[in-house]
């Protein structure tokens, strides 16, 4: 029996799964060891993923 493994993604891959681009990011700020991005997205079906870094995702609204 095969077990389906989650897709492993990097924080740079995250936007590829979203419909809208980020409203603001720190990607070009030159920060070391931390990144910030603010997205506004409609409800979407998201595949099961595993991140290669720690990510904090805060869903606001319904």
C-alpha atoms as a PDB file:
ATOM      1  CA  UNK A   1       0.000   0.000   0.000  1.00  0.00           C
ATOM      2  CA  UNK A   2       1.468   3.368  -1.022  1.00  0.00           C
ATOM      3  CA  UNK A   3       1.162   6.373   1.267  1.00  0.00           C
ATOM      4  CA  UNK A   4       0.624   9.742  -0.400  1.00  0.00           C
ATOM      5  CA  UNK A   5       3.351  12.135   0.766  1.00  0.00           C
ATOM      6  CA  UNK A   6       2.702  15.878   1.119  1.00  0.00           C
ATOM      7  CA  UNK A   7       4.314  18.217  -1.382  1.00  0.00           C
ATOM      8  CA  UNK A   8       7.440  19.880   0.101  1.00  0.00           C
ATOM      9  CA  UNK A   9       7.636  23.572  -0.779  1.00  0.00           C
ATOM     10  CA  UNK A  10       9.854  26.549   0.014  1.00  0.00           C
ATOM     11  CA  UNK A  11       8.507  29.983   0.983  1.00  0.00           C
ATOM     12  CA  UNK A  12       9.400  31.168  -2.529  1.00  0.00           C
ATOM     13  CA  UNK A  13       7.058  28.488  -3.967  1.00  0.00           C
ATOM     14  CA  UNK A  14       4.104  29.648  -1.855  1.00  0.00           C
ATOM     15  CA  UNK A  15       2.861  32.325  -4.353  1.00  0.00           C
ATOM     16  CA  UNK A  16       2.590  29.695  -7.127  1.00  0.00           C
ATOM     17  CA  UNK A  17      -0.366  28.144  -5.280  1.00  0.00           C
ATOM     18  CA  UNK A  18      -2.256  31.404  -4.722  1.00  0.00           C
ATOM     19  CA  UNK A  19      -4.593  33.219  -7.093  1.00  0.00           C
ATOM     20  CA  UNK A  20      -3.582  36.795  -6.196  1.00  0.00           C
ATOM     21  CA  UNK A  21      -0.096  38.279  -5.803  1.00  0.00           C
ATOM     22  CA  UNK A  22       0.997  39.561  -2.372  1.00  0.00           C
ATOM     23  CA  UNK A  23      -0.144  43.026  -1.344  1.00  0.00           C
ATOM     24  CA  UNK A  24       3.230  43.720   0.281  1.00  0.00           C
ATOM     25  CA  UNK A  25       6.388  41.687   1.007  1.00  0.00           C
ATOM     26  CA  UNK A  26       9.782  42.056   2.612  1.00  0.00           C
ATOM     27  CA  UNK A  27      11.457  39.825   0.006  1.00  0.00           C
ATOM     28  CA  UNK A  28      13.548  42.696  -1.414  1.00  0.00           C
ATOM     29  CA  UNK A  29      14.292  44.285   2.003  1.00  0.00           C
ATOM     30  CA  UNK A  30      17.445  42.237   2.615  1.00  0.00           C
ATOM     31  CA  UNK A  31      16.265  40.919   5.968  1.00  0.00           C
ATOM     32  CA  UNK A  32      18.231  37.995   7.368  1.00  0.00           C
ATOM     33  CA  UNK A  33      16.430  34.786   8.437  1.00  0.00           C
ATOM     34  CA  UNK A  34      12.865  36.167   8.276  1.00  0.00           C
ATOM     35  CA  UNK A  35      10.443  37.135   5.521  1.00  0.00           C
ATOM     36  CA  UNK A  36       7.014  38.773   5.642  1.00  0.00           C
ATOM     37  CA  UNK A  37       4.241  38.715   3.047  1.00  0.00           C
ATOM     38  CA  UNK A  38       0.637  39.919   3.192  1.00  0.00           C
ATOM     39  CA  UNK A  39      -1.847  38.229   0.849  1.00  0.00           C
ATOM     40  CA  UNK A  40      -5.577  38.681   0.271  1.00  0.00           C
ATOM     41  CA  UNK A  41      -7.078  35.545  -1.286  1.00  0.00           C
ATOM     42  CA  UNK A  42     -10.507  34.088  -1.991  1.00  0.00           C
ATOM     43  CA  UNK A  43     -11.275  30.703  -0.469  1.00  0.00           C
ATOM     44  CA  UNK A  44      -9.279  28.048  -2.320  1.00  0.00           C
ATOM     45  CA  UNK A  45      -8.688  24.319  -2.098  1.00  0.00           C
ATOM     46  CA  UNK A  46      -5.039  23.976  -1.090  1.00  0.00           C
ATOM     47  CA  UNK A  47      -3.047  20.743  -1.469  1.00  0.00           C
ATOM     48  CA  UNK A  48      -1.433  19.129   1.566  1.00  0.00           C
ATOM     49  CA  UNK A  49       2.059  20.598   1.814  1.00  0.00           C
ATOM     50  CA  UNK A  50       5.113  20.390   4.027  1.00  0.00           C
ATOM     51  CA  UNK A  51       7.346  23.442   4.304  1.00  0.00           C
ATOM     52  CA  UNK A  52      11.141  23.350   4.224  1.00  0.00           C
ATOM     53  CA  UNK A  53      11.188  26.332   6.638  1.00  0.00           C
ATOM     54  CA  UNK A  54       8.946  27.377   9.499  1.00  0.00           C
ATOM     55  CA  UNK A  55       5.939  29.391   8.327  1.00  0.00           C
ATOM     56  CA  UNK A  56       3.310  31.198  10.328  1.00  0.00           C
ATOM     57  CA  UNK A  57       0.067  31.620   8.420  1.00  0.00           C
ATOM     58  CA  UNK A  58      -2.732  33.680   9.926  1.00  0.00           C
ATOM     59  CA  UNK A  59      -6.115  33.355   8.220  1.00  0.00           C
ATOM     60  CA  UNK A  60      -8.388  36.327   8.777  1.00  0.00           C
ATOM     61  CA  UNK A  61     -12.067  36.404   7.870  1.00  0.00           C
ATOM     62  CA  UNK A  62     -14.295  33.550   6.758  1.00  0.00           C
END
